[in-house]
PDB file of N, CA and C in Angstrom:
ATOM      1  N   MET A   1      18.878  -7.001   0.808  1.00  0.00           N
ATOM      2  CA  MET A   1      17.422  -6.476   1.786  1.00  0.00           C
ATOM      3  C   MET A   1      18.623  -5.050   2.279  1.00  0.00           C
ATOM      4  N   GLU A   2      20.219  -5.409   2.199  1.00  0.00           N
ATOM      5  CA  GLU A   2      20.856  -3.723   2.715  1.00  0.00           C
ATOM      6  C   GLU A   2      20.676  -3.002   1.710  1.00  0.00           C
ATOM      7  N   LYS A   3      20.896  -3.903   0.445  1.00  0.00           N
ATOM      8  CA  LYS A   3      21.673  -2.791  -1.023  1.00  0.00           C
ATOM      9  C   LYS A   3      20.726  -1.906  -1.585  1.00  0.00           C
ATOM     10  N   VAL A   4      19.109  -2.533  -0.944  1.00  0.00           N
ATOM     11  CA  VAL A   4      17.229  -1.941  -1.643  1.00  0.00           C
ATOM     12  C   VAL A   4      17.272  -0.242   0.275  1.00  0.00           C
ATOM     13  N   LEU A   5      17.157  -0.684   1.636  1.00  0.00           N
ATOM     14  CA  LEU A   5      17.447   0.034   1.578  1.00  0.00           C
ATOM     15  C   LEU A   5      18.490   0.827   2.025  1.00  0.00           C
ATOM     16  N   LYS A   6      19.878   0.976   1.639  1.00  0.00           N
ATOM     17  CA  LYS A   6      20.708   1.634   1.078  1.00  0.00           C
ATOM     18  C   LYS A   6      21.101   2.674   0.055  1.00  0.00           C
ATOM     19  N   PHE A   7      20.134   2.004  -1.069  1.00  0.00           N
ATOM     20  CA  PHE A   7      19.786   2.658  -2.215  1.00  0.00           C
ATOM     21  C   PHE A   7      18.160   3.600  -2.189  1.00  0.00           C
ATOM     22  N   GLN A   8      17.154   3.438  -1.418  1.00  0.00           N
ATOM     23  CA  GLN A   8      17.024   4.162  -0.945  1.00  0.00           C
ATOM     24  C   GLN A   8      16.953   5.430   0.202  1.00  0.00           C
ATOM     25  N   ASP A   9      18.026   5.294   0.954  1.00  0.00           N
ATOM     26  CA  ASP A   9      18.424   5.856   2.016  1.00  0.00           C
ATOM     27  C   ASP A   9      19.007   7.694   0.872  1.00  0.00           C
ATOM     28  N   GLU A  10      20.318   6.517  -0.070  1.00  0.00           N
ATOM     29  CA  GLU A  10      21.122   7.684  -1.417  1.00  0.00           C
ATOM     30  C   GLU A  10      19.739   8.076  -1.659  1.00  0.00           C
ATOM     31  N   LYS A  11      19.166   7.267  -2.816  1.00  0.00           N
ATOM     32  CA  LYS A  11      17.511   8.400  -3.148  1.00  0.00           C
ATOM     33  C   LYS A  11      17.097   9.571  -2.799  1.00  0.00           C
ATOM     34  N   GLY A  12      16.735   9.905  -1.252  1.00  0.00           N
ATOM     35  CA  GLY A  12      15.917  10.497  -0.244  1.00  0.00           C
ATOM     36  C   GLY A  12      14.603   9.732  -0.129  1.00  0.00           C
ATOM     37  N   ILE A  13      14.527   8.504  -0.177  1.00  0.00           N
ATOM     38  CA  ILE A  13      12.944   8.211  -0.277  1.00  0.00           C
ATOM     39  C   ILE A  13      12.728   7.465   0.986  1.00  0.00           C
ATOM     40  N   SER A  14      13.285   7.153   1.930  1.00  0.00           N
ATOM     41  CA  SER A  14      13.346   6.047   3.115  1.00  0.00           C
ATOM     42  C   SER A  14      12.607   6.159   3.279  1.00  0.00           C
ATOM     43  N   ASP A  15      11.516   6.916   2.792  1.00  0.00           N
ATOM     44  CA  ASP A  15       9.911   6.607   4.296  1.00  0.00           C
ATOM     45  C   ASP A  15       8.869   6.012   2.975  1.00  0.00           C
ATOM     46  N   THR A  16       8.797   5.564   2.462  1.00  0.00           N
ATOM     47  CA  THR A  16       8.213   4.706   1.205  1.00  0.00           C
ATOM     48  C   THR A  16       8.315   3.201   1.762  1.00  0.00           C
ATOM     49  N   LYS A  17       6.787   2.706   0.970  1.00  0.00           N
ATOM     50  CA  LYS A  17       6.771   1.249   1.721  1.00  0.00           C
ATOM     51  C   LYS A  17       7.648   0.266   0.678  1.00  0.00           C
ATOM     52  N   LEU A  18       7.904  -0.341   2.032  1.00  0.00           N
ATOM     53  CA  LEU A  18       8.281  -2.018   1.134  1.00  0.00           C
ATOM     54  C   LEU A  18       7.492  -3.264   0.496  1.00  0.00           C
ATOM     55  N   PHE A  19       7.730  -3.454  -1.113  1.00  0.00           N
ATOM     56  CA  PHE A  19       7.000  -4.228  -0.909  1.00  0.00           C
ATOM     57  C   PHE A  19       7.493  -5.743  -1.598  1.00  0.00           C
ATOM     58  N   VAL A  20       7.134  -6.874  -1.138  1.00  0.00           N
ATOM     59  CA  VAL A  20       7.258  -7.572  -1.253  1.00  0.00           C
ATOM     60  C   VAL A  20       5.957  -8.584  -2.105  1.00  0.00           C
ATOM     61  N   THR A  21       6.732  -9.203  -2.860  1.00  0.00           N
ATOM     62  CA  THR A  21       5.028 -10.496  -3.541  1.00  0.00           C
ATOM     63  C   THR A  21       6.055 -11.465  -4.044  1.00  0.00           C
ATOM     64  N   GLY A  22       5.199 -12.741  -4.590  1.00  0.00           N
ATOM     65  CA  GLY A  22       5.802 -14.309  -4.986  1.00  0.00           C
ATOM     66  C   GLY A  22       4.684 -15.117  -5.339  1.00  0.00           C
ATOM     67  N   HIS A  23       4.893 -16.075  -5.700  1.00  0.00           N
ATOM     68  CA  HIS A  23       4.458 -16.365  -6.506  1.00  0.00           C
ATOM     69  C   HIS A  23       4.127 -18.259  -6.217  1.00  0.00           C
ATOM     70  N   SER A  24       3.244 -19.100  -4.827  1.00  0.00           N
ATOM     71  CA  SER A  24       3.601 -20.152  -5.020  1.00  0.00           C
ATOM     72  C   SER A  24       4.800 -20.918  -3.986  1.00  0.00           C
ATOM     73  N   LEU A  25       6.013 -21.041  -3.925  1.00  0.00           N
ATOM     74  CA  LEU A  25       6.992 -21.789  -3.473  1.00  0.00           C
ATOM     75  C   LEU A  25       7.674 -19.745  -3.359  1.00  0.00           C
ATOM     76  N   GLY A  26       7.710 -18.648  -4.327  1.00  0.00           N
ATOM     77  CA  GLY A  26       8.040 -17.613  -3.989  1.00  0.00           C
ATOM     78  C   GLY A  26       7.298 -16.782  -3.124  1.00  0.00           C
ATOM     79  N   ALA A  27       6.995 -17.397  -3.326  1.00  0.00           N
ATOM     80  CA  ALA A  27       4.699 -16.534  -1.966  1.00  0.00           C
ATOM     81  C   ALA A  27       4.808 -16.657  -0.491  1.00  0.00           C
ATOM     82  N   ALA A  28       5.714 -18.127  -0.336  1.00  0.00           N
ATOM     83  CA  ALA A  28       6.014 -18.246   0.829  1.00  0.00           C
ATOM     84  C   ALA A  28       7.061 -17.734   1.822  1.00  0.00           C
ATOM     85  N   LEU A  29       8.041 -17.949   0.737  1.00  0.00           N
ATOM     86  CA  LEU A  29       9.279 -16.631   1.005  1.00  0.00           C
ATOM     87  C   LEU A  29       9.182 -15.582   0.941  1.00  0.00           C
ATOM     88  N   SER A  30       7.935 -15.397   0.524  1.00  0.00           N
ATOM     89  CA  SER A  30       7.946 -13.245   0.531  1.00  0.00           C
ATOM     90  C   SER A  30       7.330 -13.750   1.631  1.00  0.00           C
ATOM     91  N   VAL A  31       6.477 -14.100   2.506  1.00  0.00           N
ATOM     92  CA  VAL A  31       6.356 -13.739   3.684  1.00  0.00           C
ATOM     93  C   VAL A  31       7.183 -14.279   4.772  1.00  0.00           C
ATOM     94  N   LEU A  32       8.193 -15.026   4.287  1.00  0.00           N
ATOM     95  CA  LEU A  32       9.151 -14.815   5.407  1.00  0.00           C
ATOM     96  C   LEU A  32       9.997 -13.776   5.177  1.00  0.00           C
ATOM     97  N   PHE A  33      10.294 -13.671   4.305  1.00  0.00           N
ATOM     98  CA  PHE A  33      11.383 -12.489   3.705  1.00  0.00           C
ATOM     99  C   PHE A  33      10.680 -11.221   4.276  1.00  0.00           C
ATOM    100  N   GLY A  34       8.883 -11.432   4.521  1.00  0.00           N
ATOM    101  CA  GLY A  34       8.193  -9.743   4.765  1.00  0.00           C
ATOM    102  C   GLY A  34       8.578  -9.376   6.126  1.00  0.00           C
ATOM    103  N   ILE A  35       8.778 -11.018   7.498  1.00  0.00           N
ATOM    104  CA  ILE A  35       8.135 -10.735   8.556  1.00  0.00           C
ATOM    105  C   ILE A  35      10.010 -10.440   9.010  1.00  0.00           C
ATOM    106  N   ARG A  36      10.552 -10.613   8.058  1.00  0.00           N
ATOM    107  CA  ARG A  36      11.915 -10.362   8.439  1.00  0.00           C
ATOM    108  C   ARG A  36      12.284  -8.419   8.303  1.00  0.00           C
ATOM    109  N   LEU A  37      11.676  -8.016   7.319  1.00  0.00           N
ATOM    110  CA  LEU A  37      11.883  -6.599   7.023  1.00  0.00           C
ATOM    111  C   LEU A  37      11.261  -6.184   8.158  1.00  0.00           C
ATOM    112  N   ALA A  38      10.135  -6.538   8.695  1.00  0.00           N
ATOM    113  CA  ALA A  38       9.167  -5.550   9.443  1.00  0.00           C
ATOM    114  C   ALA A  38       9.784  -5.536  10.396  1.00  0.00           C
ATOM    115  N   HIS A  39      10.270  -7.039  11.506  1.00  0.00           N
ATOM    116  CA  HIS A  39      11.528  -7.186  12.631  1.00  0.00           C
ATOM    117  C   HIS A  39      12.646  -6.388  11.974  1.00  0.00           C
ATOM    118  N   LYS A  40      13.112  -6.287  11.663  1.00  0.00           N
ATOM    119  CA  LYS A  40      14.560  -5.542  11.744  1.00  0.00           C
ATOM    120  C   LYS A  40      14.097  -3.781  11.029  1.00  0.00           C
ATOM    121  N   TYR A  41      13.444  -3.912  10.562  1.00  0.00           N
ATOM    122  CA  TYR A  41      13.290  -2.661  10.337  1.00  0.00           C
ATOM    123  C   TYR A  41      12.169  -1.974  10.600  1.00  0.00           C
ATOM    124  N   PRO A  42      11.644  -2.048  12.045  1.00  0.00           N
ATOM    125  CA  PRO A  42       9.809  -1.085  12.541  1.00  0.00           C
ATOM    126  C   PRO A  42       9.720  -0.190  11.757  1.00  0.00           C
ATOM    127  N   LYS A  43      10.460   0.976  11.718  1.00  0.00           N
ATOM    128  CA  LYS A  43       9.787   2.136  11.474  1.00  0.00           C
ATOM    129  C   LYS A  43       8.950   2.215  10.154  1.00  0.00           C
ATOM    130  N   ARG A  44       9.603   1.101   8.774  1.00  0.00           N
ATOM    131  CA  ARG A  44       8.604   0.811   7.206  1.00  0.00           C
ATOM    132  C   ARG A  44       7.869  -0.069   7.124  1.00  0.00           C
ATOM    133  N   ASP A  45       6.996   0.669   5.766  1.00  0.00           N
ATOM    134  CA  ASP A  45       5.725  -0.670   6.233  1.00  0.00           C
ATOM    135  C   ASP A  45       6.401  -1.448   5.431  1.00  0.00           C
ATOM    136  N   VAL A  46       5.559  -2.668   5.480  1.00  0.00           N
ATOM    137  CA  VAL A  46       6.105  -3.654   5.308  1.00  0.00           C
ATOM    138  C   VAL A  46       4.844  -3.739   4.314  1.00  0.00           C
ATOM    139  N   GLN A  47       5.014  -3.983   3.155  1.00  0.00           N
ATOM    140  CA  GLN A  47       3.348  -4.543   2.103  1.00  0.00           C
ATOM    141  C   GLN A  47       3.663  -6.381   1.826  1.00  0.00           C
ATOM    142  N   VAL A  48       2.525  -7.968   2.498  1.00  0.00           N
ATOM    143  CA  VAL A  48       3.480  -8.964   1.201  1.00  0.00           C
ATOM    144  C   VAL A  48       2.266  -9.329   0.533  1.00  0.00           C
ATOM    145  N   ILE A  49       2.503  -9.210  -1.299  1.00  0.00           N
ATOM    146  CA  ILE A  49       1.387  -9.271  -1.193  1.00  0.00           C
ATOM    147  C   ILE A  49       1.703 -10.596  -2.876  1.00  0.00           C
ATOM    148  N   ASN A  50       0.846 -12.066  -1.788  1.00  0.00           N
ATOM    149  CA  ASN A  50       1.563 -13.017  -2.630  1.00  0.00           C
ATOM    150  C   ASN A  50       0.081 -14.172  -3.030  1.00  0.00           C
ATOM    151  N   PHE A  51       0.113 -14.744  -3.569  1.00  0.00           N
ATOM    152  CA  PHE A  51      -0.305 -15.017  -4.869  1.00  0.00           C
ATOM    153  C   PHE A  51       0.437 -17.083  -5.130  1.00  0.00           C
ATOM    154  N   GLY A  52      -1.471 -17.864  -4.835  1.00  0.00           N
ATOM    155  CA  GLY A  52      -1.231 -19.140  -4.497  1.00  0.00           C
ATOM    156  C   GLY A  52      -0.245 -19.705  -3.589  1.00  0.00           C
ATOM    157  N   CYS A  53       0.100 -19.131  -2.304  1.00  0.00           N
ATOM    158  CA  CYS A  53       0.959 -19.068  -1.722  1.00  0.00           C
ATOM    159  C   CYS A  53       0.866 -20.268  -0.708  1.00  0.00           C
ATOM    160  N   PRO A  54       1.012 -21.497  -0.176  1.00  0.00           N
ATOM    161  CA  PRO A  54       1.128 -22.173   0.309  1.00  0.00           C
ATOM    162  C   PRO A  54       1.016 -22.488   2.305  1.00  0.00           C
ATOM    163  N   LYS A  55       0.277 -22.260   2.813  1.00  0.00           N
ATOM    164  CA  LYS A  55       0.657 -22.468   4.382  1.00  0.00           C
ATOM    165  C   LYS A  55       1.657 -21.663   5.030  1.00  0.00           C
ATOM    166  N   VAL A  56       2.414 -21.138   5.476  1.00  0.00           N
ATOM    167  CA  VAL A  56       3.239 -20.963   6.333  1.00  0.00           C
ATOM    168  C   VAL A  56       3.326 -20.343   8.091  1.00  0.00           C
ATOM    169  N   GLY A  57       4.361 -21.650   8.281  1.00  0.00           N
ATOM    170  CA  GLY A  57       3.883 -21.226   9.872  1.00  0.00           C
ATOM    171  C   GLY A  57       3.116 -21.916  10.099  1.00  0.00           C
ATOM    172  N   ASN A  58       3.609 -22.074  11.791  1.00  0.00           N
ATOM    173  CA  ASN A  58       2.169 -22.862  12.802  1.00  0.00           C
ATOM    174  C   ASN A  58       1.322 -21.349  13.178  1.00  0.00           C
ATOM    175  N   ALA A  59       0.475 -21.225  14.226  1.00  0.00           N
ATOM    176  CA  ALA A  59      -0.233 -20.614  15.215  1.00  0.00           C
ATOM    177  C   ALA A  59       0.420 -19.648  15.313  1.00  0.00           C
ATOM    178  N   ALA A  60       1.475 -19.783  16.022  1.00  0.00           N
ATOM    179  CA  ALA A  60       2.474 -18.768  16.676  1.00  0.00           C
ATOM    180  C   ALA A  60       2.942 -18.071  15.981  1.00  0.00           C
ATOM    181  N   PHE A  61       3.172 -18.380  14.369  1.00  0.00           N
ATOM    182  CA  PHE A  61       4.108 -17.592  13.495  1.00  0.00           C
ATOM    183  C   PHE A  61       2.884 -16.134  12.797  1.00  0.00           C
ATOM    184  N   ALA A  62       1.355 -17.963  13.454  1.00  0.00           N
ATOM    185  CA  ALA A  62       0.583 -17.058  12.392  1.00  0.00           C
ATOM    186  C   ALA A  62       0.463 -15.140  12.950  1.00  0.00           C
ATOM    187  N   GLN A  63       0.093 -15.405  14.628  1.00  0.00           N
ATOM    188  CA  GLN A  63      -0.396 -14.803  15.527  1.00  0.00           C
ATOM    189  C   GLN A  63       0.433 -13.693  15.007  1.00  0.00           C
ATOM    190  N   LEU A  64       1.905 -13.307  15.468  1.00  0.00           N
ATOM    191  CA  LEU A  64       3.238 -13.153  15.223  1.00  0.00           C
ATOM    192  C   LEU A  64       3.334 -11.766  14.059  1.00  0.00           C
ATOM    193  N   VAL A  65       3.510 -12.061  12.783  1.00  0.00           N
ATOM    194  CA  VAL A  65       2.619 -11.948  12.181  1.00  0.00           C
ATOM    195  C   VAL A  65       1.225 -10.581  11.568  1.00  0.00           C
ATOM    196  N   ASN A  66       0.534 -11.313  12.574  1.00  0.00           N
ATOM    197  CA  ASN A  66      -1.008 -10.702  12.408  1.00  0.00           C
ATOM    198  C   ASN A  66      -0.604  -9.650  13.892  1.00  0.00           C
ATOM    199  N   THR A  67       0.605  -9.594  14.739  1.00  0.00           N
ATOM    200  CA  THR A  67       0.409  -8.749  15.234  1.00  0.00           C
ATOM    201  C   THR A  67       1.220  -7.156  15.361  1.00  0.00           C
ATOM    202  N   LYS A  68       2.194  -7.155  13.943  1.00  0.00           N
ATOM    203  CA  LYS A  68       3.150  -6.993  13.870  1.00  0.00           C
ATOM    204  C   LYS A  68       1.950  -4.989  13.066  1.00  0.00           C
ATOM    205  N   ALA A  69       2.424  -4.437  14.040  1.00  0.00           N
ATOM    206  CA  ALA A  69       1.910  -3.068  13.152  1.00  0.00           C
ATOM    207  C   ALA A  69       1.989  -3.253  11.954  1.00  0.00           C
ATOM    208  N   ASN A  70       3.674  -2.908  11.185  1.00  0.00           N
ATOM    209  CA  ASN A  70       4.326  -2.606  10.319  1.00  0.00           C
ATOM    210  C   ASN A  70       3.753  -3.528   8.695  1.00  0.00           C
ATOM    211  N   LEU A  71       3.308  -4.995   9.169  1.00  0.00           N
ATOM    212  CA  LEU A  71       3.164  -5.930   8.380  1.00  0.00           C
ATOM    213  C   LEU A  71       1.824  -6.070   8.076  1.00  0.00           C
ATOM    214  N   CYS A  72       2.168  -6.210   6.689  1.00  0.00           N
ATOM    215  CA  CYS A  72       0.394  -6.582   6.101  1.00  0.00           C
ATOM    216  C   CYS A  72       0.493  -7.383   4.915  1.00  0.00           C
ATOM    217  N   VAL A  73      -0.076  -8.960   5.270  1.00  0.00           N
ATOM    218  CA  VAL A  73      -0.205  -9.763   4.361  1.00  0.00           C
ATOM    219  C   VAL A  73      -0.926  -9.465   3.978  1.00  0.00           C
ATOM    220  N   GLN A  74      -1.691 -10.038   2.457  1.00  0.00           N
ATOM    221  CA  GLN A  74      -2.639 -10.345   1.247  1.00  0.00           C
ATOM    222  C   GLN A  74      -1.661 -11.681   0.677  1.00  0.00           C
ATOM    223  N   ARG A  75      -2.983 -12.324   0.945  1.00  0.00           N
ATOM    224  CA  ARG A  75      -3.139 -14.249   0.067  1.00  0.00           C
ATOM    225  C   ARG A  75      -4.228 -13.687  -1.105  1.00  0.00           C
ATOM    226  N   VAL A  76      -3.106 -13.306  -2.150  1.00  0.00           N
ATOM    227  CA  VAL A  76      -4.548 -14.196  -3.435  1.00  0.00           C
ATOM    228  C   VAL A  76      -4.282 -15.745  -3.476  1.00  0.00           C
ATOM    229  N   ALA A  77      -6.192 -16.803  -3.813  1.00  0.00           N
ATOM    230  CA  ALA A  77      -5.758 -17.521  -3.953  1.00  0.00           C
ATOM    231  C   ALA A  77      -7.171 -18.326  -5.208  1.00  0.00           C
ATOM    232  N   HIS A  78      -7.039 -18.810  -5.759  1.00  0.00           N
ATOM    233  CA  HIS A  78      -8.190 -18.964  -5.814  1.00  0.00           C
ATOM    234  C   HIS A  78      -8.763 -20.246  -5.417  1.00  0.00           C
ATOM    235  N   LYS A  79     -10.192 -19.854  -5.232  1.00  0.00           N
ATOM    236  CA  LYS A  79     -10.375 -21.847  -4.379  1.00  0.00           C
ATOM    237  C   LYS A  79     -10.719 -22.590  -4.291  1.00  0.00           C
ATOM    238  N   GLN A  80     -10.158 -22.842  -5.796  1.00  0.00           N
ATOM    239  CA  GLN A  80     -10.112 -24.748  -6.399  1.00  0.00           C
ATOM    240  C   GLN A  80      -9.003 -25.287  -5.671  1.00  0.00           C
ATOM    241  N   ASP A  81      -7.625 -24.034  -5.099  1.00  0.00           N
ATOM    242  CA  ASP A  81      -5.726 -24.557  -5.564  1.00  0.00           C
ATOM    243  C   ASP A  81      -6.056 -24.926  -4.020  1.00  0.00           C
ATOM    244  N   VAL A  82      -5.473 -25.997  -4.139  1.00  0.00           N
ATOM    245  CA  VAL A  82      -5.501 -27.584  -3.063  1.00  0.00           C
ATOM    246  C   VAL A  82      -4.451 -26.932  -1.674  1.00  0.00           C
ATOM    247  N   ILE A  83      -3.657 -26.231  -3.021  1.00  0.00           N
ATOM    248  CA  ILE A  83      -2.012 -25.567  -2.570  1.00  0.00           C
ATOM    249  C   ILE A  83      -2.482 -24.928  -1.701  1.00  0.00           C
ATOM    250  N   THR A  84      -3.305 -23.942  -1.718  1.00  0.00           N
ATOM    251  CA  THR A  84      -3.381 -22.976  -0.809  1.00  0.00           C
ATOM    252  C   THR A  84      -4.514 -22.950   0.226  1.00  0.00           C
ATOM    253  N   ARG A  85      -4.337 -24.271   0.776  1.00  0.00           N
ATOM    254  CA  ARG A  85      -5.462 -24.773   1.711  1.00  0.00           C
ATOM    255  C   ARG A  85      -5.236 -25.588   2.641  1.00  0.00           C
ATOM    256  N   ILE A  86      -4.428 -26.886   2.569  1.00  0.00           N
ATOM    257  CA  ILE A  86      -3.388 -27.978   2.499  1.00  0.00           C
ATOM    258  C   ILE A  86      -2.783 -26.950   4.446  1.00  0.00           C
ATOM    259  N   ARG A  87      -2.507 -27.946   4.785  1.00  0.00           N
ATOM    260  CA  ARG A  87      -1.819 -27.700   5.982  1.00  0.00           C
ATOM    261  C   ARG A  87      -1.318 -28.953   6.369  1.00  0.00           C
ATOM    262  N   THR A  88       0.675 -28.763   6.270  1.00  0.00           N
ATOM    263  CA  THR A  88       1.412 -29.551   7.270  1.00  0.00           C
ATOM    264  C   THR A  88       1.611 -30.068   8.397  1.00  0.00           C
TER     265      THR A  88
END
């Protein structure tokens, strides 16, 4: 995480959005990484776009994700994919 931000700062592009993406397990990890980025760098816009993502976290976690002003999470899922609908 620090290497990406250091690179952006060195190139003078520190005001760009950070995009995180993944599929399936990688999608679940992208949500966790996205919230971490948004929390650690509150002045950066973080966009998480994932595909086939299983549900991540509990209701409190979902509320945290939904209240972070600099974080946008977009889930792309096929309506017949059961993995994206299972709640553990």
